[in-house]
Amino acid sequence: MDKRAVEVKPDTRNHKGFFVQDGPYELMGIEKSGWALICIDDAVCHFVDPDNLQASQGLESDAV
């Protein structure tokens, strides 16, 4: 699975309803449930709506 650098849109909430901190994340994948798993590092990850993701600035990859 390809990991991609992404950022969250402003006011993004995780699957528990808490706001997710703005900043660079790594898209780990999209679960069968429909949630996207994004991580800052090995210890901090969130499940978010994939519609709230965008490609990180300066990357040539397409928007998520």
PDB file of N, CA and C in Angstrom:
ATOM      1  N   MET A   1       0.844  -1.186   0.000  1.00  0.00           N
ATOM      2  CA  MET A   1       0.000   0.000   0.000  1.00  0.00           C
ATOM      3  C   MET A   1       0.885   1.243   0.000  1.00  0.00           C
ATOM      4  N   ASP A   2       0.577   2.170  -0.858  1.00  0.00           N
ATOM      5  CA  ASP A   2       1.336   3.413  -0.916  1.00  0.00           C
ATOM      6  C   ASP A   2       0.889   4.353   0.185  1.00  0.00           C
ATOM      7  N   LYS A   3       1.854   4.867   0.930  1.00  0.00           N
ATOM      8  CA  LYS A   3       1.561   5.882   1.931  1.00  0.00           C
ATOM      9  C   LYS A   3       1.751   7.231   1.260  1.00  0.00           C
ATOM     10  N   ARG A   4       0.831   8.166   1.541  1.00  0.00           N
ATOM     11  CA  ARG A   4       0.922   9.485   0.928  1.00  0.00           C
ATOM     12  C   ARG A   4       0.853  10.564   1.988  1.00  0.00           C
ATOM     13  N   ALA A   5       1.575  11.645   1.755  1.00  0.00           N
ATOM     14  CA  ALA A   5       1.540  12.793   2.650  1.00  0.00           C
ATOM     15  C   ALA A   5       0.264  13.576   2.375  1.00  0.00           C
ATOM     16  N   VAL A   6      -0.487  13.831   3.435  1.00  0.00           N
ATOM     17  CA  VAL A   6      -1.746  14.567   3.320  1.00  0.00           C
ATOM     18  C   VAL A   6      -1.841  15.585   4.447  1.00  0.00           C
ATOM     19  N   GLU A   7      -2.779  16.492   4.304  1.00  0.00           N
ATOM     20  CA  GLU A   7      -3.118  17.452   5.349  1.00  0.00           C
ATOM     21  C   GLU A   7      -4.620  17.391   5.548  1.00  0.00           C
ATOM     22  N   VAL A   8      -5.069  17.784   6.730  1.00  0.00           N
ATOM     23  CA  VAL A   8      -6.509  17.810   7.000  1.00  0.00           C
ATOM     24  C   VAL A   8      -7.044  19.211   6.737  1.00  0.00           C
ATOM     25  N   LYS A   9      -8.276  19.265   6.294  1.00  0.00           N
ATOM     26  CA  LYS A   9      -8.929  20.554   6.096  1.00  0.00           C
ATOM     27  C   LYS A   9      -9.273  21.147   7.459  1.00  0.00           C
ATOM     28  N   PRO A  10      -9.417  22.470   7.541  1.00  0.00           N
ATOM     29  CA  PRO A  10      -9.762  23.098   8.823  1.00  0.00           C
ATOM     30  C   PRO A  10     -11.039  22.503   9.424  1.00  0.00           C
ATOM     31  N   ASP A  11     -11.071  22.420  10.733  1.00  0.00           N
ATOM     32  CA  ASP A  11     -12.219  21.929  11.502  1.00  0.00           C
ATOM     33  C   ASP A  11     -12.544  20.455  11.252  1.00  0.00           C
ATOM     34  N   THR A  12     -11.541  19.670  10.855  1.00  0.00           N
ATOM     35  CA  THR A  12     -11.733  18.230  10.674  1.00  0.00           C
ATOM     36  C   THR A  12     -11.861  17.557  12.034  1.00  0.00           C
ATOM     37  N   ARG A  13     -12.805  16.629  12.127  1.00  0.00           N
ATOM     38  CA  ARG A  13     -12.999  15.859  13.356  1.00  0.00           C
ATOM     39  C   ARG A  13     -12.702  14.384  13.085  1.00  0.00           C
ATOM     40  N   ASN A  14     -12.258  13.685  14.121  1.00  0.00           N
ATOM     41  CA  ASN A  14     -11.996  12.256  13.972  1.00  0.00           C
ATOM     42  C   ASN A  14     -13.284  11.465  14.191  1.00  0.00           C
ATOM     43  N   HIS A  15     -13.178  10.152  14.175  1.00  0.00           N
ATOM     44  CA  HIS A  15     -14.357   9.293  14.299  1.00  0.00           C
ATOM     45  C   HIS A  15     -15.042   9.395  15.657  1.00  0.00           C
ATOM     46  N   LYS A  16     -14.359   9.965  16.646  1.00  0.00           N
ATOM     47  CA  LYS A  16     -14.948  10.149  17.967  1.00  0.00           C
ATOM     48  C   LYS A  16     -15.543  11.550  18.148  1.00  0.00           C
ATOM     49  N   GLY A  17     -15.393  12.411  17.126  1.00  0.00           N
ATOM     50  CA  GLY A  17     -15.960  13.751  17.180  1.00  0.00           C
ATOM     51  C   GLY A  17     -15.015  14.827  17.672  1.00  0.00           C
ATOM     52  N   PHE A  18     -13.768  14.463  17.948  1.00  0.00           N
ATOM     53  CA  PHE A  18     -12.791  15.445  18.420  1.00  0.00           C
ATOM     54  C   PHE A  18     -12.076  16.087  17.240  1.00  0.00           C
ATOM     55  N   PHE A  19     -11.727  17.374  17.397  1.00  0.00           N
ATOM     56  CA  PHE A  19     -10.984  18.064  16.340  1.00  0.00           C
ATOM     57  C   PHE A  19      -9.600  17.456  16.177  1.00  0.00           C
ATOM     58  N   VAL A  20      -9.152  17.371  14.929  1.00  0.00           N
ATOM     59  CA  VAL A  20      -7.824  16.866  14.597  1.00  0.00           C
ATOM     60  C   VAL A  20      -6.913  18.059  14.356  1.00  0.00           C
ATOM     61  N   GLN A  21      -5.742  18.028  14.939  1.00  0.00           N
ATOM     62  CA  GLN A  21      -4.776  19.113  14.810  1.00  0.00           C
ATOM     63  C   GLN A  21      -4.325  19.260  13.362  1.00  0.00           C
ATOM     64  N   ASP A  22      -4.277  20.505  12.881  1.00  0.00           N
ATOM     65  CA  ASP A  22      -3.766  20.775  11.535  1.00  0.00           C
ATOM     66  C   ASP A  22      -2.294  20.386  11.467  1.00  0.00           C
ATOM     67  N   GLY A  23      -1.855  19.985  10.294  1.00  0.00           N
ATOM     68  CA  GLY A  23      -0.456  19.650  10.106  1.00  0.00           C
ATOM     69  C   GLY A  23      -0.306  18.501   9.130  1.00  0.00           C
ATOM     70  N   PRO A  24       0.922  18.127   8.866  1.00  0.00           N
ATOM     71  CA  PRO A  24       1.176  17.043   7.908  1.00  0.00           C
ATOM     72  C   PRO A  24       0.904  15.673   8.537  1.00  0.00           C
ATOM     73  N   TYR A  25       0.263  14.826   7.791  1.00  0.00           N
ATOM     74  CA  TYR A  25      -0.032  13.449   8.201  1.00  0.00           C
ATOM     75  C   TYR A  25       0.377  12.516   7.077  1.00  0.00           C
ATOM     76  N   GLU A  26       0.454  11.250   7.408  1.00  0.00           N
ATOM     77  CA  GLU A  26       0.699  10.226   6.410  1.00  0.00           C
ATOM     78  C   GLU A  26      -0.570   9.397   6.297  1.00  0.00           C
ATOM     79  N   LEU A  27      -1.117   9.287   5.096  1.00  0.00           N
ATOM     80  CA  LEU A  27      -2.308   8.480   4.865  1.00  0.00           C
ATOM     81  C   LEU A  27      -1.884   7.021   4.843  1.00  0.00           C
ATOM     82  N   MET A  28      -2.369   6.259   5.814  1.00  0.00           N
ATOM     83  CA  MET A  28      -2.008   4.855   5.925  1.00  0.00           C
ATOM     84  C   MET A  28      -2.922   3.970   5.082  1.00  0.00           C
ATOM     85  N   GLY A  29      -4.149   4.430   4.869  1.00  0.00           N
ATOM     86  CA  GLY A  29      -5.100   3.663   4.078  1.00  0.00           C
ATOM     87  C   GLY A  29      -6.522   4.028   4.445  1.00  0.00           C
ATOM     88  N   ILE A  30      -7.458   3.471   3.691  1.00  0.00           N
ATOM     89  CA  ILE A  30      -8.876   3.688   3.963  1.00  0.00           C
ATOM     90  C   ILE A  30      -9.475   2.337   4.340  1.00  0.00           C
ATOM     91  N   GLU A  31     -10.102   2.297   5.505  1.00  0.00           N
ATOM     92  CA  GLU A  31     -10.672   1.067   6.041  1.00  0.00           C
ATOM     93  C   GLU A  31     -11.957   0.697   5.302  1.00  0.00           C
ATOM     94  N   LYS A  32     -12.373  -0.549   5.450  1.00  0.00           N
ATOM     95  CA  LYS A  32     -13.636  -0.995   4.848  1.00  0.00           C
ATOM     96  C   LYS A  32     -14.818  -0.205   5.381  1.00  0.00           C
ATOM     97  N   SER A  33     -14.686   0.303   6.606  1.00  0.00           N
ATOM     98  CA  SER A  33     -15.754   1.098   7.224  1.00  0.00           C
ATOM     99  C   SER A  33     -15.904   2.468   6.565  1.00  0.00           C
ATOM    100  N   GLY A  34     -14.911   2.875   5.761  1.00  0.00           N
ATOM    101  CA  GLY A  34     -14.966   4.160   5.073  1.00  0.00           C
ATOM    102  C   GLY A  34     -14.100   5.235   5.707  1.00  0.00           C
ATOM    103  N   TRP A  35     -13.545   4.991   6.888  1.00  0.00           N
ATOM    104  CA  TRP A  35     -12.679   5.960   7.554  1.00  0.00           C
ATOM    105  C   TRP A  35     -11.265   5.865   7.007  1.00  0.00           C
ATOM    106  N   ALA A  36     -10.615   7.025   6.839  1.00  0.00           N
ATOM    107  CA  ALA A  36      -9.211   7.075   6.432  1.00  0.00           C
ATOM    108  C   ALA A  36      -8.350   7.094   7.697  1.00  0.00           C
ATOM    109  N   LEU A  37      -7.318   6.268   7.735  1.00  0.00           N
ATOM    110  CA  LEU A  37      -6.387   6.252   8.855  1.00  0.00           C
ATOM    111  C   LEU A  37      -5.197   7.128   8.492  1.00  0.00           C
ATOM    112  N   ILE A  38      -4.988   8.183   9.289  1.00  0.00           N
ATOM    113  CA  ILE A  38      -3.856   9.082   9.079  1.00  0.00           C
ATOM    114  C   ILE A  38      -3.008   9.101  10.341  1.00  0.00           C
ATOM    115  N   CYS A  39      -1.686   9.232  10.167  1.00  0.00           N
ATOM    116  CA  CYS A  39      -0.776   9.214  11.310  1.00  0.00           C
ATOM    117  C   CYS A  39       0.254  10.331  11.193  1.00  0.00           C
ATOM    118  N   ILE A  40       0.614  10.891  12.358  1.00  0.00           N
ATOM    119  CA  ILE A  40       1.725  11.837  12.427  1.00  0.00           C
ATOM    120  C   ILE A  40       3.013  11.058  12.617  1.00  0.00           C
ATOM    121  N   ASP A  41       2.961  10.052  13.485  1.00  0.00           N
ATOM    122  CA  ASP A  41       4.097   9.183  13.767  1.00  0.00           C
ATOM    123  C   ASP A  41       3.555   7.829  14.206  1.00  0.00           C
ATOM    124  N   ASP A  42       4.400   6.987  14.782  1.00  0.00           N
ATOM    125  CA  ASP A  42       3.961   5.652  15.187  1.00  0.00           C
ATOM    126  C   ASP A  42       2.982   5.667  16.355  1.00  0.00           C
ATOM    127  N   ALA A  43       2.898   6.776  17.085  1.00  0.00           N
ATOM    128  CA  ALA A  43       2.068   6.829  18.287  1.00  0.00           C
ATOM    129  C   ALA A  43       0.782   7.642  18.122  1.00  0.00           C
ATOM    130  N   VAL A  44       0.714   8.526  17.127  1.00  0.00           N
ATOM    131  CA  VAL A  44      -0.439   9.421  16.987  1.00  0.00           C
ATOM    132  C   VAL A  44      -1.110   9.190  15.633  1.00  0.00           C
ATOM    133  N   CYS A  45      -2.297   8.575  15.695  1.00  0.00           N
ATOM    134  CA  CYS A  45      -3.079   8.306  14.483  1.00  0.00           C
ATOM    135  C   CYS A  45      -4.531   8.676  14.723  1.00  0.00           C
ATOM    136  N   HIS A  46      -5.255   8.945  13.640  1.00  0.00           N
ATOM    137  CA  HIS A  46      -6.670   9.305  13.714  1.00  0.00           C
ATOM    138  C   HIS A  46      -7.412   8.647  12.560  1.00  0.00           C
ATOM    139  N   PHE A  47      -8.687   8.311  12.805  1.00  0.00           N
ATOM    140  CA  PHE A  47      -9.598   7.928  11.738  1.00  0.00           C
ATOM    141  C   PHE A  47     -10.411   9.164  11.402  1.00  0.00           C
ATOM    142  N   VAL A  48     -10.408   9.557  10.122  1.00  0.00           N
ATOM    143  CA  VAL A  48     -11.139  10.742   9.678  1.00  0.00           C
ATOM    144  C   VAL A  48     -11.900  10.432   8.387  1.00  0.00           C
ATOM    145  N   ASP A  49     -12.831  11.316   8.063  1.00  0.00           N
ATOM    146  CA  ASP A  49     -13.558  11.215   6.809  1.00  0.00           C
ATOM    147  C   ASP A  49     -12.584  11.533   5.668  1.00  0.00           C
ATOM    148  N   PRO A  50     -12.453  10.657   4.685  1.00  0.00           N
ATOM    149  CA  PRO A  50     -11.526  10.916   3.569  1.00  0.00           C
ATOM    150  C   PRO A  50     -11.803  12.218   2.822  1.00  0.00           C
ATOM    151  N   ASP A  51     -13.039  12.710   2.861  1.00  0.00           N
ATOM    152  CA  ASP A  51     -13.375  13.973   2.199  1.00  0.00           C
ATOM    153  C   ASP A  51     -12.701  15.165   2.860  1.00  0.00           C
ATOM    154  N   ASN A  52     -12.182  14.988   4.078  1.00  0.00           N
ATOM    155  CA  ASN A  52     -11.521  16.074   4.794  1.00  0.00           C
ATOM    156  C   ASN A  52     -10.003  16.075   4.601  1.00  0.00           C
ATOM    157  N   LEU A  53      -9.521  15.313   3.647  1.00  0.00           N
ATOM    158  CA  LEU A  53      -8.083  15.253   3.379  1.00  0.00           C
ATOM    159  C   LEU A  53      -7.751  15.962   2.079  1.00  0.00           C
ATOM    160  N   GLN A  54      -6.537  16.479   2.019  1.00  0.00           N
ATOM    161  CA  GLN A  54      -6.015  17.078   0.790  1.00  0.00           C
ATOM    162  C   GLN A  54      -4.536  16.746   0.714  1.00  0.00           C
ATOM    163  N   ALA A  55      -4.001  16.718  -0.490  1.00  0.00           N
ATOM    164  CA  ALA A  55      -2.581  16.439  -0.673  1.00  0.00           C
ATOM    165  C   ALA A  55      -1.756  17.540  -0.017  1.00  0.00           C
ATOM    166  N   SER A  56      -0.631  17.162   0.560  1.00  0.00           N
ATOM    167  CA  SER A  56       0.249  18.154   1.184  1.00  0.00           C
ATOM    168  C   SER A  56       0.794  19.097   0.133  1.00  0.00           C
ATOM    169  N   GLN A  57       1.038  20.331   0.548  1.00  0.00           N
ATOM    170  CA  GLN A  57       1.577  21.348  -0.355  1.00  0.00           C
ATOM    171  C   GLN A  57       2.945  20.915  -0.873  1.00  0.00           C
ATOM    172  N   GLY A  58       3.194  21.178  -2.135  1.00  0.00           N
ATOM    173  CA  GLY A  58       4.496  20.914  -2.709  1.00  0.00           C
ATOM    174  C   GLY A  58       4.675  19.496  -3.234  1.00  0.00           C
ATOM    175  N   LEU A  59       3.656  18.670  -3.151  1.00  0.00           N
ATOM    176  CA  LEU A  59       3.764  17.316  -3.664  1.00  0.00           C
ATOM    177  C   LEU A  59       3.106  17.241  -5.025  1.00  0.00           C
ATOM    178  N   GLU A  60       3.603  16.324  -5.839  1.00  0.00           N
ATOM    179  CA  GLU A  60       3.056  16.185  -7.171  1.00  0.00           C
ATOM    180  C   GLU A  60       1.901  15.207  -7.223  1.00  0.00           C
ATOM    181  N   SER A  61       1.591  14.530  -6.120  1.00  0.00           N
ATOM    182  CA  SER A  61       0.509  13.551  -6.138  1.00  0.00           C
ATOM    183  C   SER A  61      -0.829  14.250  -6.240  1.00  0.00           C
ATOM    184  N   ASP A  62      -1.821  13.512  -6.721  1.00  0.00           N
ATOM    185  CA  ASP A  62      -3.177  14.054  -6.860  1.00  0.00           C
ATOM    186  C   ASP A  62      -3.822  14.198  -5.498  1.00  0.00           C
ATOM    187  N   ALA A  63      -4.811  15.082  -5.401  1.00  0.00           N
ATOM    188  CA  ALA A  63      -5.571  15.243  -4.149  1.00  0.00           C
ATOM    189  C   ALA A  63      -6.300  13.949  -3.846  1.00  0.00           C
ATOM    190  N   VAL A  64      -6.522  13.706  -2.591  1.00  0.00           N
ATOM    191  CA  VAL A  64      -7.169  12.468  -2.150  1.00  0.00           C
ATOM    192  C   VAL A  64      -8.646  12.546  -2.400  1.00  0.00           C
TER     193      VAL A  64
END
